[in-house]
mmCIF file of all heavy atoms, coordinates in Angstrom:
data_MODEL
# 
_entry.id   MODEL 
# 
loop_
_atom_site.group_PDB 
_atom_site.id 
_atom_site.type_symbol 
_atom_site.label_atom_id 
_atom_site.label_alt_id 
_atom_site.label_comp_id 
_atom_site.label_asym_id 
_atom_site.label_entity_id 
_atom_site.label_seq_id 
_atom_site.pdbx_PDB_ins_code 
_atom_site.Cartn_x 
_atom_site.Cartn_y 
_atom_site.Cartn_z 
_atom_site.occupancy 
_atom_site.B_iso_or_equiv 
_atom_site.pdbx_formal_charge 
_atom_site.auth_seq_id 
_atom_site.auth_comp_id 
_atom_site.auth_asym_id 
_atom_site.auth_atom_id 
_atom_site.pdbx_PDB_model_num 
ATOM 1   N N   . GLN A 1 1  ? 35.115 127.976 -95.533  1.00 0.00 ? 1  GLN A N   1 
ATOM 2   C CA  . GLN A 1 1  ? 35.602 126.969 -96.480  1.00 0.00 ? 1  GLN A CA  1 
ATOM 3   C C   . GLN A 1 1  ? 35.061 127.186 -97.891  1.00 0.00 ? 1  GLN A C   1 
ATOM 4   O O   . GLN A 1 1  ? 35.529 126.557 -98.843  1.00 0.00 ? 1  GLN A O   1 
ATOM 5   C CB  . GLN A 1 1  ? 35.210 125.578 -95.983  1.00 0.00 ? 1  GLN A CB  1 
ATOM 6   C CG  . GLN A 1 1  ? 35.729 125.243 -94.596  1.00 0.00 ? 1  GLN A CG  1 
ATOM 7   C CD  . GLN A 1 1  ? 35.106 123.974 -94.022  1.00 0.00 ? 1  GLN A CD  1 
ATOM 8   O OE1 . GLN A 1 1  ? 34.703 123.076 -94.762  1.00 0.00 ? 1  GLN A OE1 1 
ATOM 9   N NE2 . GLN A 1 1  ? 35.023 123.891 -92.708  1.00 0.00 ? 1  GLN A NE2 1 
ATOM 10  N N   . ALA A 1 2  ? 34.079 128.061 -98.047  1.00 0.00 ? 2  ALA A N   1 
ATOM 11  C CA  . ALA A 1 2  ? 33.452 128.277 -99.352  1.00 0.00 ? 2  ALA A CA  1 
ATOM 12  C C   . ALA A 1 2  ? 34.419 128.940 -100.320 1.00 0.00 ? 2  ALA A C   1 
ATOM 13  O O   . ALA A 1 2  ? 35.163 129.857 -99.948  1.00 0.00 ? 2  ALA A O   1 
ATOM 14  C CB  . ALA A 1 2  ? 32.201 129.124 -99.193  1.00 0.00 ? 2  ALA A CB  1 
ATOM 15  N N   . ARG A 1 3  ? 34.377 128.516 -101.573 1.00 0.00 ? 3  ARG A N   1 
ATOM 16  C CA  . ARG A 1 3  ? 35.242 129.078 -102.608 1.00 0.00 ? 3  ARG A CA  1 
ATOM 17  C C   . ARG A 1 3  ? 34.610 130.280 -103.304 1.00 0.00 ? 3  ARG A C   1 
ATOM 18  O O   . ARG A 1 3  ? 35.263 130.933 -104.110 1.00 0.00 ? 3  ARG A O   1 
ATOM 19  C CB  . ARG A 1 3  ? 35.579 127.998 -103.636 1.00 0.00 ? 3  ARG A CB  1 
ATOM 20  C CG  . ARG A 1 3  ? 36.418 126.846 -103.095 1.00 0.00 ? 3  ARG A CG  1 
ATOM 21  C CD  . ARG A 1 3  ? 36.585 125.765 -104.151 1.00 0.00 ? 3  ARG A CD  1 
ATOM 22  N NE  . ARG A 1 3  ? 37.188 126.310 -105.372 1.00 0.00 ? 3  ARG A NE  1 
ATOM 23  C CZ  . ARG A 1 3  ? 37.008 125.797 -106.589 1.00 0.00 ? 3  ARG A CZ  1 
ATOM 24  N NH1 . ARG A 1 3  ? 36.204 124.748 -106.747 1.00 0.00 ? 3  ARG A NH1 1 
ATOM 25  N NH2 . ARG A 1 3  ? 37.593 126.334 -107.638 1.00 0.00 ? 3  ARG A NH2 1 
ATOM 26  N N   . ALA A 1 4  ? 33.347 130.560 -103.016 1.00 0.00 ? 4  ALA A N   1 
ATOM 27  C CA  . ALA A 1 4  ? 32.653 131.715 -103.583 1.00 0.00 ? 4  ALA A CA  1 
ATOM 28  C C   . ALA A 1 4  ? 32.298 132.681 -102.454 1.00 0.00 ? 4  ALA A C   1 
ATOM 29  O O   . ALA A 1 4  ? 32.162 132.274 -101.294 1.00 0.00 ? 4  ALA A O   1 
ATOM 30  C CB  . ALA A 1 4  ? 31.389 131.272 -104.316 1.00 0.00 ? 4  ALA A CB  1 
ATOM 31  N N   . PRO A 1 5  ? 32.120 133.960 -102.758 1.00 0.00 ? 5  PRO A N   1 
ATOM 32  C CA  . PRO A 1 5  ? 31.692 134.911 -101.730 1.00 0.00 ? 5  PRO A CA  1 
ATOM 33  C C   . PRO A 1 5  ? 30.350 134.505 -101.133 1.00 0.00 ? 5  PRO A C   1 
ATOM 34  O O   . PRO A 1 5  ? 29.479 133.974 -101.834 1.00 0.00 ? 5  PRO A O   1 
ATOM 35  C CB  . PRO A 1 5  ? 31.583 136.238 -102.487 1.00 0.00 ? 5  PRO A CB  1 
ATOM 36  C CG  . PRO A 1 5  ? 32.441 136.064 -103.702 1.00 0.00 ? 5  PRO A CG  1 
ATOM 37  C CD  . PRO A 1 5  ? 32.362 134.616 -104.059 1.00 0.00 ? 5  PRO A CD  1 
ATOM 38  N N   . VAL A 1 6  ? 30.186 134.759 -99.838  1.00 0.00 ? 6  VAL A N   1 
ATOM 39  C CA  . VAL A 1 6  ? 28.974 134.372 -99.111  1.00 0.00 ? 6  VAL A CA  1 
ATOM 40  C C   . VAL A 1 6  ? 28.290 135.613 -98.554  1.00 0.00 ? 6  VAL A C   1 
ATOM 41  O O   . VAL A 1 6  ? 28.937 136.496 -97.986  1.00 0.00 ? 6  VAL A O   1 
ATOM 42  C CB  . VAL A 1 6  ? 29.310 133.409 -97.961  1.00 0.00 ? 6  VAL A CB  1 
ATOM 43  C CG1 . VAL A 1 6  ? 28.046 133.049 -97.178  1.00 0.00 ? 6  VAL A CG1 1 
ATOM 44  C CG2 . VAL A 1 6  ? 30.001 132.153 -98.479  1.00 0.00 ? 6  VAL A CG2 1 
ATOM 45  N N   . TYR A 1 7  ? 26.956 135.657 -98.700  1.00 0.00 ? 7  TYR A N   1 
ATOM 46  C CA  . TYR A 1 7  ? 26.146 136.736 -98.117  1.00 0.00 ? 7  TYR A CA  1 
ATOM 47  C C   . TYR A 1 7  ? 25.023 136.102 -97.307  1.00 0.00 ? 7  TYR A C   1 
ATOM 48  O O   . TYR A 1 7  ? 24.440 135.105 -97.725  1.00 0.00 ? 7  TYR A O   1 
ATOM 49  C CB  . TYR A 1 7  ? 25.585 137.645 -99.220  1.00 0.00 ? 7  TYR A CB  1 
ATOM 50  C CG  . TYR A 1 7  ? 26.671 138.278 -100.046 1.00 0.00 ? 7  TYR A CG  1 
ATOM 51  C CD1 . TYR A 1 7  ? 27.034 137.737 -101.281 1.00 0.00 ? 7  TYR A CD1 1 
ATOM 52  C CD2 . TYR A 1 7  ? 27.368 139.377 -99.574  1.00 0.00 ? 7  TYR A CD2 1 
ATOM 53  C CE1 . TYR A 1 7  ? 28.053 138.295 -102.030 1.00 0.00 ? 7  TYR A CE1 1 
ATOM 54  C CE2 . TYR A 1 7  ? 28.395 139.936 -100.322 1.00 0.00 ? 7  TYR A CE2 1 
ATOM 55  C CZ  . TYR A 1 7  ? 28.733 139.391 -101.536 1.00 0.00 ? 7  TYR A CZ  1 
ATOM 56  O OH  . TYR A 1 7  ? 29.755 139.940 -102.274 1.00 0.00 ? 7  TYR A OH  1 
ATOM 57  N N   . VAL A 1 8  ? 24.730 136.696 -96.153  1.00 0.00 ? 8  VAL A N   1 
ATOM 58  C CA  . VAL A 1 8  ? 23.747 136.101 -95.242  1.00 0.00 ? 8  VAL A CA  1 
ATOM 59  C C   . VAL A 1 8  ? 22.673 137.120 -94.889  1.00 0.00 ? 8  VAL A C   1 
ATOM 60  O O   . VAL A 1 8  ? 22.892 138.338 -94.936  1.00 0.00 ? 8  VAL A O   1 
ATOM 61  C CB  . VAL A 1 8  ? 24.421 135.599 -93.943  1.00 0.00 ? 8  VAL A CB  1 
ATOM 62  C CG1 . VAL A 1 8  ? 25.529 134.603 -94.254  1.00 0.00 ? 8  VAL A CG1 1 
ATOM 63  C CG2 . VAL A 1 8  ? 24.960 136.756 -93.100  1.00 0.00 ? 8  VAL A CG2 1 
ATOM 64  N N   . ILE A 1 9  ? 21.486 136.591 -94.552  1.00 0.00 ? 9  ILE A N   1 
ATOM 65  C CA  . ILE A 1 9  ? 20.413 137.404 -93.997  1.00 0.00 ? 9  ILE A CA  1 
ATOM 66  C C   . ILE A 1 9  ? 19.889 136.704 -92.742  1.00 0.00 ? 9  ILE A C   1 
ATOM 67  O O   . ILE A 1 9  ? 20.089 135.504 -92.576  1.00 0.00 ? 9  ILE A O   1 
ATOM 68  C CB  . ILE A 1 9  ? 19.264 137.635 -94.997  1.00 0.00 ? 9  ILE A CB  1 
ATOM 69  C CG1 . ILE A 1 9  ? 18.551 136.321 -95.336  1.00 0.00 ? 9  ILE A CG1 1 
ATOM 70  C CG2 . ILE A 1 9  ? 19.771 138.310 -96.258  1.00 0.00 ? 9  ILE A CG2 1 
ATOM 71  C CD1 . ILE A 1 9  ? 17.267 136.498 -96.124  1.00 0.00 ? 9  ILE A CD1 1 
ATOM 72  N N   . PRO A 1 10 ? 19.202 137.417 -91.863  1.00 0.00 ? 10 PRO A N   1 
ATOM 73  C CA  . PRO A 1 10 ? 18.701 136.781 -90.649  1.00 0.00 ? 10 PRO A CA  1 
ATOM 74  C C   . PRO A 1 10 ? 17.383 136.054 -90.879  1.00 0.00 ? 10 PRO A C   1 
ATOM 75  O O   . PRO A 1 10 ? 16.532 136.480 -91.653  1.00 0.00 ? 10 PRO A O   1 
ATOM 76  C CB  . PRO A 1 10 ? 18.501 137.966 -89.694  1.00 0.00 ? 10 PRO A CB  1 
ATOM 77  C CG  . PRO A 1 10 ? 18.204 139.125 -90.590  1.00 0.00 ? 10 PRO A CG  1 
ATOM 78  C CD  . PRO A 1 10 ? 19.000 138.883 -91.842  1.00 0.00 ? 10 PRO A CD  1 
ATOM 79  N N   . GLY A 1 11 ? 17.228 134.938 -90.171  1.00 0.00 ? 11 GLY A N   1 
ATOM 80  C CA  . GLY A 1 11 ? 15.944 134.260 -90.065  1.00 0.00 ? 11 GLY A CA  1 
ATOM 81  C C   . GLY A 1 11 ? 15.375 134.457 -88.677  1.00 0.00 ? 11 GLY A C   1 
ATOM 82  O O   . GLY A 1 11 ? 15.964 135.163 -87.837  1.00 0.00 ? 11 GLY A O   1 
ATOM 83  N N   . ASN A 1 12 ? 14.262 133.825 -88.401  1.00 0.00 ? 12 ASN A N   1 
ATOM 84  C CA  . ASN A 1 12 ? 13.602 134.042 -87.121  1.00 0.00 ? 12 ASN A CA  1 
ATOM 85  C C   . ASN A 1 12 ? 14.399 133.511 -85.938  1.00 0.00 ? 12 ASN A C   1 
ATOM 86  O O   . ASN A 1 12 ? 14.186 133.933 -84.799  1.00 0.00 ? 12 ASN A O   1 
ATOM 87  C CB  . ASN A 1 12 ? 12.208 133.410 -87.118  1.00 0.00 ? 12 ASN A CB  1 
ATOM 88  C CG  . ASN A 1 12 ? 12.217 131.966 -87.573  1.00 0.00 ? 12 ASN A CG  1 
ATOM 89  O OD1 . ASN A 1 12 ? 12.290 131.699 -88.770  1.00 0.00 ? 12 ASN A OD1 1 
ATOM 90  N ND2 . ASN A 1 12 ? 12.152 131.021 -86.644  1.00 0.00 ? 12 ASN A ND2 1 
ATOM 91  N N   . LYS A 1 13 ? 15.337 132.591 -86.160  1.00 0.00 ? 13 LYS A N   1 
ATOM 92  C CA  . LYS A 1 13 ? 16.161 132.062 -85.082  1.00 0.00 ? 13 LYS A CA  1 
ATOM 93  C C   . LYS A 1 13 ? 17.437 132.877 -84.865  1.00 0.00 ? 13 LYS A C   1 
ATOM 94  O O   . LYS A 1 13 ? 18.191 132.616 -83.921  1.00 0.00 ? 13 LYS A O   1 
ATOM 95  C CB  . LYS A 1 13 ? 16.544 130.610 -85.376  1.00 0.00 ? 13 LYS A CB  1 
ATOM 96  C CG  . LYS A 1 13 ? 15.376 129.632 -85.366  1.00 0.00 ? 13 LYS A CG  1 
ATOM 97  C CD  . LYS A 1 13 ? 14.818 129.458 -83.963  1.00 0.00 ? 13 LYS A CD  1 
ATOM 98  C CE  . LYS A 1 13 ? 13.773 128.363 -83.919  1.00 0.00 ? 13 LYS A CE  1 
ATOM 99  N NZ  . LYS A 1 13 ? 13.220 128.192 -82.556  1.00 0.00 ? 13 LYS A NZ  1 
ATOM 100 N N   . ASP A 1 14 ? 17.683 133.843 -85.721  1.00 0.00 ? 14 ASP A N   1 
ATOM 101 C CA  . ASP A 1 14 ? 18.911 134.623 -85.637  1.00 0.00 ? 14 ASP A CA  1 
ATOM 102 C C   . ASP A 1 14 ? 18.743 135.858 -84.757  1.00 0.00 ? 14 ASP A C   1 
ATOM 103 O O   . ASP A 1 14 ? 17.630 136.281 -84.446  1.00 0.00 ? 14 ASP A O   1 
ATOM 104 C CB  . ASP A 1 14 ? 19.363 135.043 -87.045  1.00 0.00 ? 14 ASP A CB  1 
ATOM 105 C CG  . ASP A 1 14 ? 19.851 133.868 -87.871  1.00 0.00 ? 14 ASP A CG  1 
ATOM 106 O OD1 . ASP A 1 14 ? 20.772 133.177 -87.408  1.00 0.00 ? 14 ASP A OD1 1 
ATOM 107 O OD2 . ASP A 1 14 ? 19.300 133.630 -88.960  1.00 0.00 ? 14 ASP A OD2 1 
ATOM 108 N N   . ASP A 1 15 ? 19.870 136.416 -84.367  1.00 0.00 ? 15 ASP A N   1 
ATOM 109 C CA  . ASP A 1 15 ? 19.929 137.670 -83.614  1.00 0.00 ? 15 ASP A CA  1 
ATOM 110 C C   . ASP A 1 15 ? 20.745 138.662 -84.435  1.00 0.00 ? 15 ASP A C   1 
ATOM 111 O O   . ASP A 1 15 ? 21.875 138.352 -84.835  1.00 0.00 ? 15 ASP A O   1 
ATOM 112 C CB  . ASP A 1 15 ? 20.577 137.435 -82.248  1.00 0.00 ? 15 ASP A CB  1 
ATOM 113 C CG  . ASP A 1 15 ? 20.801 138.726 -81.475  1.00 0.00 ? 15 ASP A CG  1 
ATOM 114 O OD1 . ASP A 1 15 ? 19.858 139.181 -80.813  1.00 0.00 ? 15 ASP A OD1 1 
ATOM 115 O OD2 . ASP A 1 15 ? 21.921 139.280 -81.575  1.00 0.00 ? 15 ASP A OD2 1 
ATOM 116 N N   . ARG A 1 16 ? 20.176 139.827 -84.702  1.00 0.00 ? 16 ARG A N   1 
ATOM 117 C CA  . ARG A 1 16 ? 20.850 140.775 -85.586  1.00 0.00 ? 16 ARG A CA  1 
ATOM 118 C C   . ARG A 1 16 ? 22.221 141.190 -85.054  1.00 0.00 ? 16 ARG A C   1 
ATOM 119 O O   . ARG A 1 16 ? 23.192 141.280 -85.811  1.00 0.00 ? 16 ARG A O   1 
ATOM 120 C CB  . ARG A 1 16 ? 19.978 142.014 -85.795  1.00 0.00 ? 16 ARG A CB  1 
ATOM 121 C CG  . ARG A 1 16 ? 18.676 141.750 -86.546  1.00 0.00 ? 16 ARG A CG  1 
ATOM 122 C CD  . ARG A 1 16 ? 17.929 143.043 -86.807  1.00 0.00 ? 16 ARG A CD  1 
ATOM 123 N NE  . ARG A 1 16 ? 16.629 142.817 -87.439  1.00 0.00 ? 16 ARG A NE  1 
ATOM 124 C CZ  . ARG A 1 16 ? 15.480 142.732 -86.784  1.00 0.00 ? 16 ARG A CZ  1 
ATOM 125 N NH1 . ARG A 1 16 ? 15.475 142.881 -85.456  1.00 0.00 ? 16 ARG A NH1 1 
ATOM 126 N NH2 . ARG A 1 16 ? 14.352 142.517 -87.424  1.00 0.00 ? 16 ARG A NH2 1 
ATOM 127 N N   . THR A 1 17 ? 22.308 141.463 -83.759  1.00 0.00 ? 17 THR A N   1 
ATOM 128 C CA  . THR A 1 17 ? 23.578 141.928 -83.187  1.00 0.00 ? 17 THR A CA  1 
ATOM 129 C C   . THR A 1 17 ? 24.651 140.861 -83.293  1.00 0.00 ? 17 THR A C   1 
ATOM 130 O O   . THR A 1 17 ? 25.778 141.124 -83.751  1.00 0.00 ? 17 THR A O   1 
ATOM 131 C CB  . THR A 1 17 ? 23.387 142.344 -81.724  1.00 0.00 ? 17 THR A CB  1 
ATOM 132 O OG1 . THR A 1 17 ? 22.441 143.420 -81.662  1.00 0.00 ? 17 THR A OG1 1 
ATOM 133 C CG2 . THR A 1 17 ? 24.708 142.801 -81.111  1.00 0.00 ? 17 THR A CG2 1 
ATOM 134 N N   . ASN A 1 18 ? 24.336 139.644 -82.884  1.00 0.00 ? 18 ASN A N   1 
ATOM 135 C CA  . ASN A 1 18 ? 25.328 138.578 -82.943  1.00 0.00 ? 18 ASN A CA  1 
ATOM 136 C C   . ASN A 1 18 ? 25.658 138.194 -84.384  1.00 0.00 ? 18 ASN A C   1 
ATOM 137 O O   . ASN A 1 18 ? 26.799 137.838 -84.692  1.00 0.00 ? 18 ASN A O   1 
ATOM 138 C CB  . ASN A 1 18 ? 24.831 137.357 -82.167  1.00 0.00 ? 18 ASN A CB  1 
ATOM 139 C CG  . ASN A 1 18 ? 24.896 137.575 -80.661  1.00 0.00 ? 18 ASN A CG  1 
ATOM 140 O OD1 . ASN A 1 18 ? 25.533 138.507 -80.188  1.00 0.00 ? 18 ASN A OD1 1 
ATOM 141 N ND2 . ASN A 1 18 ? 24.230 136.711 -79.908  1.00 0.00 ? 18 ASN A ND2 1 
ATOM 142 N N   . LEU A 1 19 ? 24.671 138.280 -85.272  1.00 0.00 ? 19 LEU A N   1 
ATOM 143 C CA  . LEU A 1 19 ? 24.941 138.011 -86.689  1.00 0.00 ? 19 LEU A CA  1 
ATOM 144 C C   . LEU A 1 19 ? 25.924 139.046 -87.236  1.00 0.00 ? 19 LEU A C   1 
ATOM 145 O O   . LEU A 1 19 ? 26.888 138.693 -87.926  1.00 0.00 ? 19 LEU A O   1 
ATOM 146 C CB  . LEU A 1 19 ? 23.633 138.006 -87.474  1.00 0.00 ? 19 LEU A CB  1 
ATOM 147 C CG  . LEU A 1 19 ? 23.694 137.674 -88.968  1.00 0.00 ? 19 LEU A CG  1 
ATOM 148 C CD1 . LEU A 1 19 ? 22.410 136.993 -89.409  1.00 0.00 ? 19 LEU A CD1 1 
ATOM 149 C CD2 . LEU A 1 19 ? 23.910 138.926 -89.817  1.00 0.00 ? 19 LEU A CD2 1 
ATOM 150 N N   . ARG A 1 20 ? 25.673 140.325 -86.931  1.00 0.00 ? 20 ARG A N   1 
ATOM 151 C CA  . ARG A 1 20 ? 26.590 141.366 -87.409  1.00 0.00 ? 20 ARG A CA  1 
ATOM 152 C C   . ARG A 1 20 ? 27.994 141.176 -86.845  1.00 0.00 ? 20 ARG A C   1 
ATOM 153 O O   . ARG A 1 20 ? 28.989 141.333 -87.556  1.00 0.00 ? 20 ARG A O   1 
ATOM 154 C CB  . ARG A 1 20 ? 26.070 142.750 -87.022  1.00 0.00 ? 20 ARG A CB  1 
ATOM 155 C CG  . ARG A 1 20 ? 24.971 143.282 -87.910  1.00 0.00 ? 20 ARG A CG  1 
ATOM 156 C CD  . ARG A 1 20 ? 24.843 144.783 -87.713  1.00 0.00 ? 20 ARG A CD  1 
ATOM 157 N NE  . ARG A 1 20 ? 23.660 145.291 -88.380  1.00 0.00 ? 20 ARG A NE  1 
ATOM 158 C CZ  . ARG A 1 20 ? 22.466 145.396 -87.797  1.00 0.00 ? 20 ARG A CZ  1 
ATOM 159 N NH1 . ARG A 1 20 ? 22.317 145.039 -86.539  1.00 0.00 ? 20 ARG A NH1 1 
ATOM 160 N NH2 . ARG A 1 20 ? 21.443 145.865 -88.468  1.00 0.00 ? 20 ARG A NH2 1 
ATOM 161 N N   . THR A 1 21 ? 28.079 140.848 -85.577  1.00 0.00 ? 21 THR A N   1 
ATOM 162 C CA  . THR A 1 21 ? 29.391 140.640 -84.962  1.00 0.00 ? 21 THR A CA  1 
ATOM 163 C C   . THR A 1 21 ? 30.144 139.522 -85.671  1.00 0.00 ? 21 THR A C   1 
ATOM 164 O O   . THR A 1 21 ? 31.351 139.635 -85.940  1.00 0.00 ? 21 THR A O   1 
ATOM 165 C CB  . THR A 1 21 ? 29.229 140.306 -83.474  1.00 0.00 ? 21 THR A CB  1 
ATOM 166 O OG1 . THR A 1 21 ? 28.587 141.399 -82.803  1.00 0.00 ? 21 THR A OG1 1 
ATOM 167 C CG2 . THR A 1 21 ? 30.578 140.049 -82.829  1.00 0.00 ? 21 THR A CG2 1 
ATOM 168 N N   . ALA A 1 22 ? 29.435 138.452 -85.999  1.00 0.00 ? 22 ALA A N   1 
ATOM 169 C CA  . ALA A 1 22 ? 30.076 137.297 -86.630  1.00 0.00 ? 22 ALA A CA  1 
ATOM 170 C C   . ALA A 1 22 ? 30.509 137.581 -88.061  1.00 0.00 ? 22 ALA A C   1 
ATOM 171 O O   . ALA A 1 22 ? 31.585 137.154 -88.491  1.00 0.00 ? 22 ALA A O   1 
ATOM 172 C CB  . ALA A 1 22 ? 29.128 136.100 -86.593  1.00 0.00 ? 22 ALA A CB  1 
ATOM 173 N N   . PHE A 1 23 ? 29.672 138.328 -88.809  1.00 0.00 ? 23 PHE A N   1 
ATOM 174 C CA  . PHE A 1 23 ? 29.911 138.473 -90.245  1.00 0.00 ? 23 PHE A CA  1 
ATOM 175 C C   . PHE A 1 23 ? 30.377 139.869 -90.655  1.00 0.00 ? 23 PHE A C   1 
ATOM 176 O O   . PHE A 1 23 ? 30.616 140.097 -91.838  1.00 0.00 ? 23 PHE A O   1 
ATOM 177 C CB  . PHE A 1 23 ? 28.642 138.095 -91.014  1.00 0.00 ? 23 PHE A CB  1 
ATOM 178 C CG  . PHE A 1 23 ? 28.305 136.638 -90.939  1.00 0.00 ? 23 PHE A CG  1 
ATOM 179 C CD1 . PHE A 1 23 ? 27.362 136.178 -90.034  1.00 0.00 ? 23 PHE A CD1 1 
ATOM 180 C CD2 . PHE A 1 23 ? 28.953 135.721 -91.745  1.00 0.00 ? 23 PHE A CD2 1 
ATOM 181 C CE1 . PHE A 1 23 ? 27.052 134.836 -89.948  1.00 0.00 ? 23 PHE A CE1 1 
ATOM 182 C CE2 . PHE A 1 23 ? 28.664 134.361 -91.663  1.00 0.00 ? 23 PHE A CE2 1 
ATOM 183 C CZ  . PHE A 1 23 ? 27.718 133.917 -90.763  1.00 0.00 ? 23 PHE A CZ  1 
ATOM 184 N N   . SER A 1 24 ? 30.527 140.782 -89.718  1.00 0.00 ? 24 SER A N   1 
ATOM 185 C CA  . SER A 1 24 ? 30.939 142.141 -90.065  1.00 0.00 ? 24 SER A CA  1 
ATOM 186 C C   . SER A 1 24 ? 32.300 142.212 -90.750  1.00 0.00 ? 24 SER A C   1 
ATOM 187 O O   . SER A 1 24 ? 32.515 143.112 -91.583  1.00 0.00 ? 24 SER A O   1 
ATOM 188 C CB  . SER A 1 24 ? 30.936 143.043 -88.821  1.00 0.00 ? 24 SER A CB  1 
ATOM 189 O OG  . SER A 1 24 ? 31.818 142.545 -87.841  1.00 0.00 ? 24 SER A OG  1 
ATOM 190 N N   . PRO A 1 25 ? 33.270 141.316 -90.450  1.00 0.00 ? 25 PRO A N   1 
ATOM 191 C CA  . PRO A 1 25 ? 34.547 141.398 -91.175  1.00 0.00 ? 25 PRO A CA  1 
ATOM 192 C C   . PRO A 1 25 ? 34.413 141.266 -92.686  1.00 0.00 ? 25 PRO A C   1 
ATOM 193 O O   . PRO A 1 25 ? 35.326 141.655 -93.430  1.00 0.00 ? 25 PRO A O   1 
ATOM 194 C CB  . PRO A 1 25 ? 35.359 140.236 -90.583  1.00 0.00 ? 25 PRO A CB  1 
ATOM 195 C CG  . PRO A 1 25 ? 34.800 140.043 -89.215  1.00 0.00 ? 25 PRO A CG  1 
ATOM 196 C CD  . PRO A 1 25 ? 33.330 140.298 -89.377  1.00 0.00 ? 25 PRO A CD  1 
ATOM 197 N N   . ARG A 1 26 ? 33.292 140.742 -93.170  1.00 0.00 ? 26 ARG A N   1 
ATOM 198 C CA  . ARG A 1 26 ? 33.112 140.590 -94.621  1.00 0.00 ? 26 ARG A CA  1 
ATOM 199 C C   . ARG A 1 26 ? 32.745 141.902 -95.299  1.00 0.00 ? 26 ARG A C   1 
ATOM 200 O O   . ARG A 1 26 ? 32.773 141.992 -96.520  1.00 0.00 ? 26 ARG A O   1 
ATOM 201 C CB  . ARG A 1 26 ? 32.067 139.506 -94.903  1.00 0.00 ? 26 ARG A CB  1 
ATOM 202 C CG  . ARG A 1 26 ? 32.528 138.142 -94.393  1.00 0.00 ? 26 ARG A CG  1 
ATOM 203 C CD  . ARG A 1 26 ? 31.466 137.076 -94.524  1.00 0.00 ? 26 ARG A CD  1 
ATOM 204 N NE  . ARG A 1 26 ? 31.946 135.829 -93.949  1.00 0.00 ? 26 ARG A NE  1 
ATOM 205 C CZ  . ARG A 1 26 ? 32.260 134.740 -94.641  1.00 0.00 ? 26 ARG A CZ  1 
ATOM 206 N NH1 . ARG A 1 26 ? 32.155 134.753 -95.952  1.00 0.00 ? 26 ARG A NH1 1 
ATOM 207 N NH2 . ARG A 1 26 ? 32.681 133.664 -94.044  1.00 0.00 ? 26 ARG A NH2 1 
# 
């Protein structure tokens, strides 16, 4: 829903593989 480009990094609760899967289309 954001009108500006979004960039994310992992925190301690995140999983790198699942994060990449979710955001790789960007």
